[in-house]
C-alpha atoms as a PDB file:
ATOM      1  CA  UNK A   1       0.000   0.000   0.000  1.00  0.00           C
ATOM      2  CA  UNK A   2       1.288   3.479  -0.874  1.00  0.00           C
ATOM      3  CA  UNK A   3       1.343   6.189   1.760  1.00  0.00           C
ATOM      4  CA  UNK A   4      -1.222   8.144  -0.235  1.00  0.00           C
ATOM      5  CA  UNK A   5      -3.585   5.278  -0.984  1.00  0.00           C
ATOM      6  CA  UNK A   6      -7.116   6.591  -1.525  1.00  0.00           C
ATOM      7  CA  UNK A   7      -9.637   3.945  -0.433  1.00  0.00           C
ATOM      8  CA  UNK A   8     -12.711   3.260  -2.561  1.00  0.00           C
ATOM      9  CA  UNK A   9     -15.824   2.005  -0.792  1.00  0.00           C
ATOM     10  CA  UNK A  10     -18.382   0.460  -3.160  1.00  0.00           C
ATOM     11  CA  UNK A  11     -22.027   0.298  -2.131  1.00  0.00           C
ATOM     12  CA  UNK A  12     -24.360  -1.535  -4.466  1.00  0.00           C
ATOM     13  CA  UNK A  13     -27.886  -2.920  -4.423  1.00  0.00           C
ATOM     14  CA  UNK A  14     -31.194  -2.574  -6.207  1.00  0.00           C
ATOM     15  CA  UNK A  15     -33.018   0.751  -6.565  1.00  0.00           C
ATOM     16  CA  UNK A  16     -34.715   1.838  -3.309  1.00  0.00           C
ATOM     17  CA  UNK A  17     -32.894  -0.861  -1.338  1.00  0.00           C
ATOM     18  CA  UNK A  18     -31.560   1.742   1.099  1.00  0.00           C
ATOM     19  CA  UNK A  19     -28.142   2.535  -0.385  1.00  0.00           C
ATOM     20  CA  UNK A  20     -28.543   6.312  -0.096  1.00  0.00           C
ATOM     21  CA  UNK A  21     -29.740   6.018   3.503  1.00  0.00           C
ATOM     22  CA  UNK A  22     -26.740   3.812   4.314  1.00  0.00           C
ATOM     23  CA  UNK A  23     -24.311   6.239   2.655  1.00  0.00           C
ATOM     24  CA  UNK A  24     -25.909   9.244   4.314  1.00  0.00           C
ATOM     25  CA  UNK A  25     -25.482   7.612   7.705  1.00  0.00           C
ATOM     26  CA  UNK A  26     -21.907   6.631   6.845  1.00  0.00           C
ATOM     27  CA  UNK A  27     -20.662  10.112   5.970  1.00  0.00           C
ATOM     28  CA  UNK A  28     -22.084  11.391   9.269  1.00  0.00           C
ATOM     29  CA  UNK A  29     -20.154   8.875  11.371  1.00  0.00           C
ATOM     30  CA  UNK A  30     -17.207  10.167  13.417  1.00  0.00           C
ATOM     31  CA  UNK A  31     -14.821   7.654  11.826  1.00  0.00           C
ATOM     32  CA  UNK A  32     -15.615   9.129   8.404  1.00  0.00           C
ATOM     33  CA  UNK A  33     -15.412  12.768   9.449  1.00  0.00           C
ATOM     34  CA  UNK A  34     -11.660  12.977   9.104  1.00  0.00           C
ATOM     35  CA  UNK A  35      -9.205  15.250   7.335  1.00  0.00           C
ATOM     36  CA  UNK A  36      -9.613  15.724   3.597  1.00  0.00           C
ATOM     37  CA  UNK A  37     -12.409  15.625   1.070  1.00  0.00           C
ATOM     38  CA  UNK A  38     -14.763  12.726   0.444  1.00  0.00           C
ATOM     39  CA  UNK A  39     -15.860  12.121  -3.149  1.00  0.00           C
ATOM     40  CA  UNK A  40     -19.264  10.465  -3.495  1.00  0.00           C
ATOM     41  CA  UNK A  41     -19.962   9.066  -6.972  1.00  0.00           C
ATOM     42  CA  UNK A  42     -23.642   8.258  -7.555  1.00  0.00           C
ATOM     43  CA  UNK A  43     -24.574   6.031 -10.468  1.00  0.00           C
ATOM     44  CA  UNK A  44     -28.342   6.107 -10.027  1.00  0.00           C
ATOM     45  CA  UNK A  45     -30.971   8.389  -8.489  1.00  0.00           C
ATOM     46  CA  UNK A  46     -33.393   7.174  -5.832  1.00  0.00           C
ATOM     47  CA  UNK A  47     -36.171   8.867  -3.885  1.00  0.00           C
ATOM     48  CA  UNK A  48     -33.859  10.031  -1.104  1.00  0.00           C
ATOM     49  CA  UNK A  49     -31.407  12.823  -1.825  1.00  0.00           C
ATOM     50  CA  UNK A  50     -28.443  14.254   0.050  1.00  0.00           C
ATOM     51  CA  UNK A  51     -28.692  17.537   1.957  1.00  0.00           C
ATOM     52  CA  UNK A  52     -26.393  20.074   0.197  1.00  0.00           C
ATOM     53  CA  UNK A  53     -25.743  21.899   3.478  1.00  0.00           C
ATOM     54  CA  UNK A  54     -24.698  18.651   5.158  1.00  0.00           C
ATOM     55  CA  UNK A  55     -22.434  17.743   2.258  1.00  0.00           C
ATOM     56  CA  UNK A  56     -20.702  21.125   2.418  1.00  0.00           C
ATOM     57  CA  UNK A  57     -20.254  20.874   6.190  1.00  0.00           C
ATOM     58  CA  UNK A  58     -18.852  17.343   5.856  1.00  0.00           C
ATOM     59  CA  UNK A  59     -16.525  18.348   2.981  1.00  0.00           C
ATOM     60  CA  UNK A  60     -18.172  15.832   0.668  1.00  0.00           C
ATOM     61  CA  UNK A  61     -18.486  16.371  -3.076  1.00  0.00           C
ATOM     62  CA  UNK A  62     -21.163  14.515  -5.063  1.00  0.00           C
ATOM     63  CA  UNK A  63     -20.760  13.638  -8.720  1.00  0.00           C
ATOM     64  CA  UNK A  64     -23.361  11.861 -10.883  1.00  0.00           C
ATOM     65  CA  UNK A  65     -22.506   9.258 -13.512  1.00  0.00           C
ATOM     66  CA  UNK A  66     -25.748   8.257 -15.215  1.00  0.00           C
ATOM     67  CA  UNK A  67     -24.476   6.108 -18.094  1.00  0.00           C
ATOM     68  CA  UNK A  68     -22.545   2.853 -17.782  1.00  0.00           C
ATOM     69  CA  UNK A  69     -20.168   3.855 -20.553  1.00  0.00           C
ATOM     70  CA  UNK A  70     -19.216   7.004 -18.613  1.00  0.00           C
ATOM     71  CA  UNK A  71     -17.907   4.968 -15.673  1.00  0.00           C
ATOM     72  CA  UNK A  72     -14.444   4.766 -17.180  1.00  0.00           C
ATOM     73  CA  UNK A  73     -10.806   5.604 -16.549  1.00  0.00           C
ATOM     74  CA  UNK A  74     -11.041   9.074 -18.115  1.00  0.00           C
ATOM     75  CA  UNK A  75     -14.022  10.083 -15.965  1.00  0.00           C
ATOM     76  CA  UNK A  76     -12.405   8.858 -12.740  1.00  0.00           C
ATOM     77  CA  UNK A  77      -9.137  10.598 -13.609  1.00  0.00           C
ATOM     78  CA  UNK A  78     -11.034  13.840 -14.243  1.00  0.00           C
ATOM     79  CA  UNK A  79     -12.870  13.546 -10.883  1.00  0.00           C
ATOM     80  CA  UNK A  80      -9.608  12.832  -9.076  1.00  0.00           C
ATOM     81  CA  UNK A  81      -7.994  15.951 -10.557  1.00  0.00           C
ATOM     82  CA  UNK A  82     -11.092  18.069  -9.856  1.00  0.00           C
ATOM     83  CA  UNK A  83     -11.651  17.104  -6.208  1.00  0.00           C
ATOM     84  CA  UNK A  84      -8.362  15.599  -4.998  1.00  0.00           C
ATOM     85  CA  UNK A  85     -10.261  13.277  -2.618  1.00  0.00           C
ATOM     86  CA  UNK A  86      -8.826  11.470   0.389  1.00  0.00           C
ATOM     87  CA  UNK A  87     -11.515   8.757   0.110  1.00  0.00           C
ATOM     88  CA  UNK A  88     -14.112   7.744  -2.472  1.00  0.00           C
ATOM     89  CA  UNK A  89     -17.628   6.333  -2.038  1.00  0.00           C
ATOM     90  CA  UNK A  90     -19.286   4.770  -5.083  1.00  0.00           C
ATOM     91  CA  UNK A  91     -23.043   4.161  -5.119  1.00  0.00           C
ATOM     92  CA  UNK A  92     -22.892   1.744  -8.040  1.00  0.00           C
ATOM     93  CA  UNK A  93     -25.688   0.559 -10.340  1.00  0.00           C
ATOM     94  CA  UNK A  94     -25.534  -3.283 -10.266  1.00  0.00           C
ATOM     95  CA  UNK A  95     -27.156  -3.547 -13.695  1.00  0.00           C
ATOM     96  CA  UNK A  96     -23.963  -2.108 -15.193  1.00  0.00           C
ATOM     97  CA  UNK A  97     -22.048  -5.205 -14.103  1.00  0.00           C
ATOM     98  CA  UNK A  98     -19.528  -5.466 -11.286  1.00  0.00           C
ATOM     99  CA  UNK A  99     -16.921  -7.002 -13.593  1.00  0.00           C
ATOM    100  CA  UNK A 100     -17.004  -3.821 -15.667  1.00  0.00           C
ATOM    101  CA  UNK A 101     -16.498  -1.696 -12.578  1.00  0.00           C
ATOM    102  CA  UNK A 102     -13.511  -3.677 -11.318  1.00  0.00           C
ATOM    103  CA  UNK A 103     -11.936  -3.714 -14.770  1.00  0.00           C
ATOM    104  CA  UNK A 104     -11.753   0.091 -15.002  1.00  0.00           C
ATOM    105  CA  UNK A 105      -8.237   1.480 -14.659  1.00  0.00           C
ATOM    106  CA  UNK A 106      -8.117   3.535 -11.485  1.00  0.00           C
ATOM    107  CA  UNK A 107      -6.414   6.895 -10.974  1.00  0.00           C
ATOM    108  CA  UNK A 108      -3.022   6.731  -9.319  1.00  0.00           C
ATOM    109  CA  UNK A 109      -3.191   5.884  -5.616  1.00  0.00           C
ATOM    110  CA  UNK A 110      -6.873   4.886  -5.745  1.00  0.00           C
ATOM    111  CA  UNK A 111      -7.414   1.429  -4.265  1.00  0.00           C
ATOM    112  CA  UNK A 112     -10.468  -0.804  -3.757  1.00  0.00           C
ATOM    113  CA  UNK A 113     -11.080  -0.987   0.007  1.00  0.00           C
ATOM    114  CA  UNK A 114     -14.527  -2.459   0.695  1.00  0.00           C
ATOM    115  CA  UNK A 115     -17.535  -3.752  -1.225  1.00  0.00           C
ATOM    116  CA  UNK A 116     -20.906  -3.508   0.538  1.00  0.00           C
ATOM    117  CA  UNK A 117     -24.206  -4.878  -0.761  1.00  0.00           C
ATOM    118  CA  UNK A 118     -27.462  -3.420   0.570  1.00  0.00           C
ATOM    119  CA  UNK A 119     -30.561  -5.607   0.224  1.00  0.00           C
ATOM    120  CA  UNK A 120     -34.196  -5.028   1.117  1.00  0.00           C
ATOM    121  CA  UNK A 121     -35.191  -8.203   2.993  1.00  0.00           C
ATOM    122  CA  UNK A 122     -38.873  -7.587   2.269  1.00  0.00           C
ATOM    123  CA  UNK A 123     -38.183  -7.947  -1.486  1.00  0.00           C
ATOM    124  CA  UNK A 124     -35.292 -10.380  -1.517  1.00  0.00           C
ATOM    125  CA  UNK A 125     -37.330 -13.522  -2.224  1.00  0.00           C
ATOM    126  CA  UNK A 126     -38.850 -11.878  -5.287  1.00  0.00           C
ATOM    127  CA  UNK A 127     -35.407 -10.700  -6.407  1.00  0.00           C
ATOM    128  CA  UNK A 128     -34.041 -14.249  -6.129  1.00  0.00           C
ATOM    129  CA  UNK A 129     -36.746 -15.445  -8.492  1.00  0.00           C
ATOM    130  CA  UNK A 130     -36.494 -12.686 -11.080  1.00  0.00           C
ATOM    131  CA  UNK A 131     -33.063 -11.033 -10.768  1.00  0.00           C
ATOM    132  CA  UNK A 132     -30.771 -13.860  -9.687  1.00  0.00           C
ATOM    133  CA  UNK A 133     -28.074 -13.181 -12.330  1.00  0.00           C
ATOM    134  CA  UNK A 134     -27.672  -9.631 -10.987  1.00  0.00           C
ATOM    135  CA  UNK A 135     -27.579 -10.870  -7.380  1.00  0.00           C
ATOM    136  CA  UNK A 136     -24.972 -13.487  -8.261  1.00  0.00           C
ATOM    137  CA  UNK A 137     -22.852 -10.722  -9.809  1.00  0.00           C
ATOM    138  CA  UNK A 138     -22.975  -8.571  -6.673  1.00  0.00           C
ATOM    139  CA  UNK A 139     -22.207 -11.170  -4.012  1.00  0.00           C
ATOM    140  CA  UNK A 140     -18.833 -12.830  -4.843  1.00  0.00           C
ATOM    141  CA  UNK A 141     -16.719  -9.743  -4.047  1.00  0.00           C
ATOM    142  CA  UNK A 142     -18.844  -8.431  -1.173  1.00  0.00           C
ATOM    143  CA  UNK A 143     -17.163  -7.878   2.189  1.00  0.00           C
ATOM    144  CA  UNK A 144     -20.440  -6.989   3.887  1.00  0.00           C
ATOM    145  CA  UNK A 145     -24.086  -7.708   3.007  1.00  0.00           C
ATOM    146  CA  UNK A 146     -26.692  -5.711   4.914  1.00  0.00           C
ATOM    147  CA  UNK A 147     -30.329  -6.842   4.801  1.00  0.00           C
ATOM    148  CA  UNK A 148     -32.509  -3.979   5.978  1.00  0.00           C
ATOM    149  CA  UNK A 149     -36.299  -3.919   6.607  1.00  0.00           C
ATOM    150  CA  UNK A 150     -35.936  -7.435   8.010  1.00  0.00           C
ATOM    151  CA  UNK A 151     -38.200  -9.235  10.467  1.00  0.00           C
ATOM    152  CA  UNK A 152     -38.299 -12.677  12.043  1.00  0.00           C
ATOM    153  CA  UNK A 153     -41.220 -13.761   9.850  1.00  0.00           C
ATOM    154  CA  UNK A 154     -38.941 -13.730   6.815  1.00  0.00           C
ATOM    155  CA  UNK A 155     -36.683 -16.721   5.947  1.00  0.00           C
ATOM    156  CA  UNK A 156     -33.575 -14.861   7.095  1.00  0.00           C
ATOM    157  CA  UNK A 157     -31.523 -18.034   7.561  1.00  0.00           C
ATOM    158  CA  UNK A 158     -32.158 -18.910   3.906  1.00  0.00           C
ATOM    159  CA  UNK A 159     -31.145 -15.403   2.803  1.00  0.00           C
ATOM    160  CA  UNK A 160     -27.926 -15.734   4.760  1.00  0.00           C
ATOM    161  CA  UNK A 161     -27.121 -19.170   3.357  1.00  0.00           C
ATOM    162  CA  UNK A 162     -27.721 -17.847  -0.158  1.00  0.00           C
ATOM    163  CA  UNK A 163     -24.960 -15.318   0.493  1.00  0.00           C
ATOM    164  CA  UNK A 164     -22.521 -17.528   2.399  1.00  0.00           C
ATOM    165  CA  UNK A 165     -22.435 -20.386  -0.090  1.00  0.00           C
ATOM    166  CA  UNK A 166     -21.410 -17.897  -2.795  1.00  0.00           C
ATOM    167  CA  UNK A 167     -19.046 -15.901  -0.595  1.00  0.00           C
ATOM    168  CA  UNK A 168     -18.116 -17.599   2.660  1.00  0.00           C
ATOM    169  CA  UNK A 169     -16.047 -14.639   3.802  1.00  0.00           C
ATOM    170  CA  UNK A 170     -18.836 -12.070   3.561  1.00  0.00           C
ATOM    171  CA  UNK A 171     -20.241 -10.673   6.793  1.00  0.00           C
ATOM    172  CA  UNK A 172     -24.048 -10.759   6.771  1.00  0.00           C
ATOM    173  CA  UNK A 173     -26.112  -8.393   8.928  1.00  0.00           C
ATOM    174  CA  UNK A 174     -29.882  -8.165   9.343  1.00  0.00           C
ATOM    175  CA  UNK A 175     -31.491  -4.914  10.463  1.00  0.00           C
ATOM    176  CA  UNK A 176     -35.131  -4.404  11.425  1.00  0.00           C
ATOM    177  CA  UNK A 177     -37.306  -1.431  10.504  1.00  0.00           C
ATOM    178  CA  UNK A 178     -36.004   0.316  13.627  1.00  0.00           C
ATOM    179  CA  UNK A 179     -32.385  -0.196  12.579  1.00  0.00           C
ATOM    180  CA  UNK A 180     -31.635  -2.694  15.348  1.00  0.00           C
ATOM    181  CA  UNK A 181     -29.772  -5.845  14.371  1.00  0.00           C
ATOM    182  CA  UNK A 182     -31.589  -9.188  14.367  1.00  0.00           C
ATOM    183  CA  UNK A 183     -29.696 -12.208  15.676  1.00  0.00           C
ATOM    184  CA  UNK A 184     -30.652 -15.225  13.570  1.00  0.00           C
ATOM    185  CA  UNK A 185     -28.242 -17.485  15.455  1.00  0.00           C
ATOM    186  CA  UNK A 186     -31.007 -17.893  18.018  1.00  0.00           C
ATOM    187  CA  UNK A 187     -32.706 -20.132  15.458  1.00  0.00           C
ATOM    188  CA  UNK A 188     -32.354 -23.839  16.183  1.00  0.00           C
ATOM    189  CA  UNK A 189     -30.521 -26.003  13.672  1.00  0.00           C
ATOM    190  CA  UNK A 190     -32.586 -28.739  11.951  1.00  0.00           C
ATOM    191  CA  UNK A 191     -30.295 -31.364  13.508  1.00  0.00           C
ATOM    192  CA  UNK A 192     -29.306 -32.106  17.094  1.00  0.00           C
ATOM    193  CA  UNK A 193     -25.825 -30.701  17.581  1.00  0.00           C
ATOM    194  CA  UNK A 194     -25.670 -32.197  21.095  1.00  0.00           C
ATOM    195  CA  UNK A 195     -26.400 -35.773  19.968  1.00  0.00           C
ATOM    196  CA  UNK A 196     -23.753 -38.481  20.325  1.00  0.00           C
ATOM    197  CA  UNK A 197     -23.747 -38.587  16.515  1.00  0.00           C
ATOM    198  CA  UNK A 198     -24.981 -35.516  14.648  1.00  0.00           C
ATOM    199  CA  UNK A 199     -27.124 -36.991  11.878  1.00  0.00           C
ATOM    200  CA  UNK A 200     -27.298 -34.728   8.824  1.00  0.00           C
ATOM    201  CA  UNK A 201     -30.311 -35.392   6.600  1.00  0.00           C
ATOM    202  CA  UNK A 202     -29.787 -35.052   2.855  1.00  0.00           C
ATOM    203  CA  UNK A 203     -31.907 -31.886   2.698  1.00  0.00           C
ATOM    204  CA  UNK A 204     -29.887 -30.274   5.516  1.00  0.00           C
ATOM    205  CA  UNK A 205     -26.396 -30.802   4.071  1.00  0.00           C
ATOM    206  CA  UNK A 206     -26.132 -27.190   2.917  1.00  0.00           C
ATOM    207  CA  UNK A 207     -27.259 -25.825   6.286  1.00  0.00           C
ATOM    208  CA  UNK A 208     -24.676 -27.983   8.052  1.00  0.00           C
ATOM    209  CA  UNK A 209     -21.928 -26.998   5.600  1.00  0.00           C
ATOM    210  CA  UNK A 210     -22.483 -23.277   6.176  1.00  0.00           C
ATOM    211  CA  UNK A 211     -22.865 -23.671   9.946  1.00  0.00           C
ATOM    212  CA  UNK A 212     -19.526 -25.490  10.186  1.00  0.00           C
ATOM    213  CA  UNK A 213     -17.995 -22.647   8.168  1.00  0.00           C
ATOM    214  CA  UNK A 214     -19.393 -20.039  10.564  1.00  0.00           C
ATOM    215  CA  UNK A 215     -19.280 -21.880  13.896  1.00  0.00           C
ATOM    216  CA  UNK A 216     -16.431 -24.346  13.447  1.00  0.00           C
ATOM    217  CA  UNK A 217     -15.396 -24.398  17.107  1.00  0.00           C
ATOM    218  CA  UNK A 218     -18.626 -25.990  18.279  1.00  0.00           C
ATOM    219  CA  UNK A 219     -18.140 -28.954  15.934  1.00  0.00           C
ATOM    220  CA  UNK A 220     -14.570 -29.794  16.948  1.00  0.00           C
ATOM    221  CA  UNK A 221     -14.540 -33.226  18.576  1.00  0.00           C
ATOM    222  CA  UNK A 222     -18.142 -33.961  17.523  1.00  0.00           C
ATOM    223  CA  UNK A 223     -19.088 -37.090  15.587  1.00  0.00           C
ATOM    224  CA  UNK A 224     -21.138 -36.564  12.417  1.00  0.00           C
ATOM    225  CA  UNK A 225     -22.968 -38.781   9.939  1.00  0.00           C
ATOM    226  CA  UNK A 226     -23.927 -37.683   6.425  1.00  0.00           C
ATOM    227  CA  UNK A 227     -24.123 -38.739   2.790  1.00  0.00           C
ATOM    228  CA  UNK A 228     -21.899 -37.318   0.053  1.00  0.00           C
ATOM    229  CA  UNK A 229     -20.508 -37.830  -3.422  1.00  0.00           C
ATOM    230  CA  UNK A 230     -16.833 -38.721  -3.661  1.00  0.00           C
ATOM    231  CA  UNK A 231     -14.336 -36.158  -4.934  1.00  0.00           C
ATOM    232  CA  UNK A 232     -10.832 -37.698  -4.985  1.00  0.00           C
ATOM    233  CA  UNK A 233      -7.377 -36.180  -4.844  1.00  0.00           C
ATOM    234  CA  UNK A 234      -5.204 -36.255  -7.963  1.00  0.00           C
ATOM    235  CA  UNK A 235      -2.706 -38.231  -5.908  1.00  0.00           C
ATOM    236  CA  UNK A 236      -3.670 -41.878  -6.366  1.00  0.00           C
ATOM    237  CA  UNK A 237      -2.415 -42.932  -2.930  1.00  0.00           C
ATOM    238  CA  UNK A 238      -3.887 -39.983  -1.015  1.00  0.00           C
ATOM    239  CA  UNK A 239      -5.444 -40.957   2.313  1.00  0.00           C
ATOM    240  CA  UNK A 240      -8.155 -38.303   2.075  1.00  0.00           C
ATOM    241  CA  UNK A 241     -11.141 -37.376  -0.088  1.00  0.00           C
ATOM    242  CA  UNK A 242     -14.062 -34.941  -0.031  1.00  0.00           C
ATOM    243  CA  UNK A 243     -17.600 -36.346   0.231  1.00  0.00           C
ATOM    244  CA  UNK A 244     -19.788 -33.432  -0.810  1.00  0.00           C
ATOM    245  CA  UNK A 245     -22.703 -32.169  -2.823  1.00  0.00           C
ATOM    246  CA  UNK A 246     -23.270 -29.953  -5.820  1.00  0.00           C
ATOM    247  CA  UNK A 247     -24.813 -26.685  -4.699  1.00  0.00           C
ATOM    248  CA  UNK A 248     -26.916 -24.339  -6.786  1.00  0.00           C
ATOM    249  CA  UNK A 249     -25.565 -21.123  -5.363  1.00  0.00           C
ATOM    250  CA  UNK A 250     -27.487 -18.594  -7.428  1.00  0.00           C
ATOM    251  CA  UNK A 251     -28.798 -20.073 -10.673  1.00  0.00           C
ATOM    252  CA  UNK A 252     -28.608 -23.184 -12.820  1.00  0.00           C
ATOM    253  CA  UNK A 253     -25.454 -21.862 -14.477  1.00  0.00           C
ATOM    254  CA  UNK A 254     -23.706 -21.313 -11.152  1.00  0.00           C
ATOM    255  CA  UNK A 255     -23.131 -24.727  -9.555  1.00  0.00           C
ATOM    256  CA  UNK A 256     -20.178 -25.637  -7.341  1.00  0.00           C
ATOM    257  CA  UNK A 257     -19.098 -28.646  -5.307  1.00  0.00           C
ATOM    258  CA  UNK A 258     -19.083 -28.140  -1.531  1.00  0.00           C
ATOM    259  CA  UNK A 259     -17.822 -30.401   1.235  1.00  0.00           C
ATOM    260  CA  UNK A 260     -15.133 -30.964   3.844  1.00  0.00           C
ATOM    261  CA  UNK A 261     -11.984 -33.092   3.755  1.00  0.00           C
ATOM    262  CA  UNK A 262     -12.259 -36.612   5.196  1.00  0.00           C
ATOM    263  CA  UNK A 263      -9.223 -38.678   6.147  1.00  0.00           C
ATOM    264  CA  UNK A 264      -9.244 -42.473   5.837  1.00  0.00           C
ATOM    265  CA  UNK A 265      -6.963 -45.250   4.630  1.00  0.00           C
ATOM    266  CA  UNK A 266      -9.837 -46.409   2.415  1.00  0.00           C
ATOM    267  CA  UNK A 267      -9.678 -43.289   0.236  1.00  0.00           C
ATOM    268  CA  UNK A 268      -7.482 -44.852  -2.523  1.00  0.00           C
ATOM    269  CA  UNK A 269     -10.102 -47.578  -3.097  1.00  0.00           C
ATOM    270  CA  UNK A 270     -12.964 -45.157  -3.667  1.00  0.00           C
ATOM    271  CA  UNK A 271     -14.260 -44.260  -7.129  1.00  0.00           C
ATOM    272  CA  UNK A 272     -14.722 -40.689  -8.248  1.00  0.00           C
ATOM    273  CA  UNK A 273     -18.414 -39.742  -8.217  1.00  0.00           C
ATOM    274  CA  UNK A 274     -19.749 -42.654  -6.174  1.00  0.00           C
ATOM    275  CA  UNK A 275     -21.925 -42.007  -3.131  1.00  0.00           C
ATOM    276  CA  UNK A 276     -20.931 -42.901   0.416  1.00  0.00           C
ATOM    277  CA  UNK A 277     -22.214 -42.526   3.956  1.00  0.00           C
ATOM    278  CA  UNK A 278     -19.583 -41.142   6.298  1.00  0.00           C
ATOM    279  CA  UNK A 279     -19.407 -41.350  10.074  1.00  0.00           C
ATOM    280  CA  UNK A 280     -16.447 -39.629  11.663  1.00  0.00           C
ATOM    281  CA  UNK A 281     -15.085 -37.129  14.160  1.00  0.00           C
ATOM    282  CA  UNK A 282     -14.420 -33.507  13.267  1.00  0.00           C
ATOM    283  CA  UNK A 283     -10.949 -32.216  14.084  1.00  0.00           C
ATOM    284  CA  UNK A 284      -9.150 -28.947  13.451  1.00  0.00           C
ATOM    285  CA  UNK A 285      -5.979 -29.502  11.418  1.00  0.00           C
ATOM    286  CA  UNK A 286      -3.743 -27.833   8.885  1.00  0.00           C
ATOM    287  CA  UNK A 287      -4.910 -28.973   5.474  1.00  0.00           C
ATOM    288  CA  UNK A 288      -3.375 -28.325   2.068  1.00  0.00           C
ATOM    289  CA  UNK A 289      -6.826 -28.260   0.475  1.00  0.00           C
ATOM    290  CA  UNK A 290      -7.788 -25.262   2.663  1.00  0.00           C
ATOM    291  CA  UNK A 291      -4.270 -23.748   2.707  1.00  0.00           C
ATOM    292  CA  UNK A 292      -4.894 -23.160   6.416  1.00  0.00           C
ATOM    293  CA  UNK A 293      -6.272 -24.878   9.495  1.00  0.00           C
ATOM    294  CA  UNK A 294      -9.794 -26.190   9.002  1.00  0.00           C
ATOM    295  CA  UNK A 295     -12.238 -29.056   9.531  1.00  0.00           C
ATOM    296  CA  UNK A 296     -10.860 -32.521   8.800  1.00  0.00           C
ATOM    297  CA  UNK A 297     -13.212 -35.440   9.477  1.00  0.00           C
ATOM    298  CA  UNK A 298     -11.456 -38.601  10.644  1.00  0.00           C
ATOM    299  CA  UNK A 299     -13.589 -41.393   9.221  1.00  0.00           C
ATOM    300  CA  UNK A 300     -14.643 -44.202  11.539  1.00  0.00           C
ATOM    301  CA  UNK A 301     -17.213 -45.810   9.257  1.00  0.00           C
ATOM    302  CA  UNK A 302     -17.535 -45.623   5.480  1.00  0.00           C
ATOM    303  CA  UNK A 303     -20.402 -47.300   3.595  1.00  0.00           C
ATOM    304  CA  UNK A 304     -21.179 -47.132  -0.126  1.00  0.00           C
ATOM    305  CA  UNK A 305     -24.741 -46.053  -0.828  1.00  0.00           C
ATOM    306  CA  UNK A 306     -27.094 -44.678  -3.468  1.00  0.00           C
ATOM    307  CA  UNK A 307     -27.594 -41.060  -4.471  1.00  0.00           C
ATOM    308  CA  UNK A 308     -30.302 -39.048  -2.692  1.00  0.00           C
ATOM    309  CA  UNK A 309     -33.554 -38.321  -4.506  1.00  0.00           C
ATOM    310  CA  UNK A 310     -32.291 -34.835  -5.277  1.00  0.00           C
ATOM    311  CA  UNK A 311     -28.514 -34.623  -5.658  1.00  0.00           C
ATOM    312  CA  UNK A 312     -28.464 -30.821  -5.611  1.00  0.00           C
ATOM    313  CA  UNK A 313     -28.208 -28.625  -2.551  1.00  0.00           C
ATOM    314  CA  UNK A 314     -30.285 -25.427  -2.642  1.00  0.00           C
ATOM    315  CA  UNK A 315     -29.993 -22.337  -0.468  1.00  0.00           C
ATOM    316  CA  UNK A 316     -33.216 -20.497  -1.269  1.00  0.00           C
END
């Protein structure tokens, strides 16, 4: 990082999802009211507008870019020269494509810092049915996903899983109409985590996968039982494999294999793609597949079986 790095904070989401409200609150926070000018680039116009007096007091300049083709290197260079900002906020139109945004050559010293997605929880189910390609474009690079207008009657756990299976590193926050955060971890898992053997039903594999990702510590030392399809190492004599499932993360064109590493001396005798039932104990170990410490299941029982009625895992 250069001494003069100028951080760019990207906020994206559908029209009227609350992006302007989020940005307006952000520029008023003490941690943002620091030395130097803030440049706010708006790529669409919603119902809420910024108060010119507030912007002047907060040393924030607003520039509109209303056409996708105008979000380019020349425009950003011109804005950098005009305002000499110390930080940049971009309220980006997701229909322009996030790949296009990240491919634009940035002015010298500008640097991507954070990508935030704002979603209206009251509309998210409808968006998943009609605008999934746009959602799937927004989520992979997101550092933070904020669901506003949320309530406990909505399938918040499903919304969260839809994000986490695409981007496991994204932080997901739910806010009610009053702005208070909603804790969905109070929801009970569909399996008994305190059982002698945690039995994972076929339909709950995705829920278990994401919960291990988020709450790994509570699974260490626990025995689990589940069904998965064999993914083998390229090393013929490897004593590990991954029994997992194909997950439809966003749409039919976006399918990936998910699962955790299992260690057993029987791994070399398994066939790629066959289905097995695994019973084993979860341990925390350094693993080359993860390139860090992570869940490794030490297999105690391995039985060949048939595929489930539906081989796909869904998160909606």
